[in-house]
C-alpha cells in the first residue's frame, strides 16, 4: 500500500461548489482507505489515504 496525500483548497472551486461537498465525495470514494483529514489553514484541507 502507498501512503498518499490529497490537497483541497476552496479558492480553486467554482462558485456554488462547497469544499465540504468535494471532500465528502472524495472520502466516500476512498472509503476505509482514508487515514486522516487535517485542516491546514482557513480554507485548506489535507486528506491522507492509502492505495
C-alpha atoms as a PDB file:
ATOM      1  CA  UNK A   1       0.000   0.000   0.000  1.00  0.00           C
ATOM      2  CA  UNK A   2       1.180   3.510  -0.824  1.00  0.00           C
ATOM      3  CA  UNK A   3       0.515   6.445   1.508  1.00  0.00           C
ATOM      4  CA  UNK A   4      -0.801   9.412  -0.485  1.00  0.00           C
ATOM      5  CA  UNK A   5      -1.871  12.956   0.336  1.00  0.00           C
ATOM      6  CA  UNK A   6      -4.606  14.901  -1.463  1.00  0.00           C
ATOM      7  CA  UNK A   7      -4.734  18.694  -1.111  1.00  0.00           C
ATOM      8  CA  UNK A   8      -8.083  20.519  -1.227  1.00  0.00           C
ATOM      9  CA  UNK A   9      -8.413  24.307  -1.361  1.00  0.00           C
ATOM     10  CA  UNK A  10     -11.703  26.188  -1.565  1.00  0.00           C
ATOM     11  CA  UNK A  11     -10.198  29.030  -3.638  1.00  0.00           C
ATOM     12  CA  UNK A  12      -9.887  26.651  -6.597  1.00  0.00           C
ATOM     13  CA  UNK A  13     -13.594  25.692  -6.594  1.00  0.00           C
ATOM     14  CA  UNK A  14     -16.290  27.114  -8.852  1.00  0.00           C
ATOM     15  CA  UNK A  15     -18.881  29.425  -7.356  1.00  0.00           C
ATOM     16  CA  UNK A  16     -21.625  27.465  -5.603  1.00  0.00           C
ATOM     17  CA  UNK A  17     -19.400  24.418  -5.007  1.00  0.00           C
ATOM     18  CA  UNK A  18     -18.509  23.837  -1.372  1.00  0.00           C
ATOM     19  CA  UNK A  19     -15.239  22.395  -0.063  1.00  0.00           C
ATOM     20  CA  UNK A  20     -17.116  20.119   2.329  1.00  0.00           C
ATOM     21  CA  UNK A  21     -19.074  18.521  -0.530  1.00  0.00           C
ATOM     22  CA  UNK A  22     -15.948  17.910  -2.618  1.00  0.00           C
ATOM     23  CA  UNK A  23     -14.086  16.364   0.324  1.00  0.00           C
ATOM     24  CA  UNK A  24     -17.095  14.233   1.325  1.00  0.00           C
ATOM     25  CA  UNK A  25     -17.335  12.845  -2.227  1.00  0.00           C
ATOM     26  CA  UNK A  26     -13.620  12.008  -2.152  1.00  0.00           C
ATOM     27  CA  UNK A  27     -13.930  10.323   1.265  1.00  0.00           C
ATOM     28  CA  UNK A  28     -16.900   8.265   0.089  1.00  0.00           C
ATOM     29  CA  UNK A  29     -14.891   7.126  -2.940  1.00  0.00           C
ATOM     30  CA  UNK A  30     -11.845   6.084  -0.856  1.00  0.00           C
ATOM     31  CA  UNK A  31     -13.869   4.514   1.972  1.00  0.00           C
ATOM     32  CA  UNK A  32     -11.784   2.650   4.546  1.00  0.00           C
ATOM     33  CA  UNK A  33      -8.512   3.717   2.921  1.00  0.00           C
ATOM     34  CA  UNK A  34      -8.712   7.207   4.470  1.00  0.00           C
ATOM     35  CA  UNK A  35      -6.177   7.688   7.254  1.00  0.00           C
ATOM     36  CA  UNK A  36      -6.754  11.312   8.343  1.00  0.00           C
ATOM     37  CA  UNK A  37      -8.333  14.621   7.344  1.00  0.00           C
ATOM     38  CA  UNK A  38      -6.344  17.627   8.562  1.00  0.00           C
ATOM     39  CA  UNK A  39      -7.164  21.328   8.321  1.00  0.00           C
ATOM     40  CA  UNK A  40      -4.129  23.363   7.253  1.00  0.00           C
ATOM     41  CA  UNK A  41      -5.356  26.942   7.027  1.00  0.00           C
ATOM     42  CA  UNK A  42      -8.710  28.739   6.762  1.00  0.00           C
ATOM     43  CA  UNK A  43      -9.908  27.092   3.546  1.00  0.00           C
ATOM     44  CA  UNK A  44      -7.486  24.222   3.018  1.00  0.00           C
ATOM     45  CA  UNK A  45      -7.585  20.516   3.936  1.00  0.00           C
ATOM     46  CA  UNK A  46      -5.160  17.634   3.538  1.00  0.00           C
ATOM     47  CA  UNK A  47      -6.500  14.105   3.243  1.00  0.00           C
ATOM     48  CA  UNK A  48      -4.101  11.231   3.975  1.00  0.00           C
ATOM     49  CA  UNK A  49      -5.107   7.931   2.402  1.00  0.00           C
ATOM     50  CA  UNK A  50      -3.623   4.683   1.156  1.00  0.00           C
ATOM     51  CA  UNK A  51      -3.873   2.919  -2.193  1.00  0.00           C
END
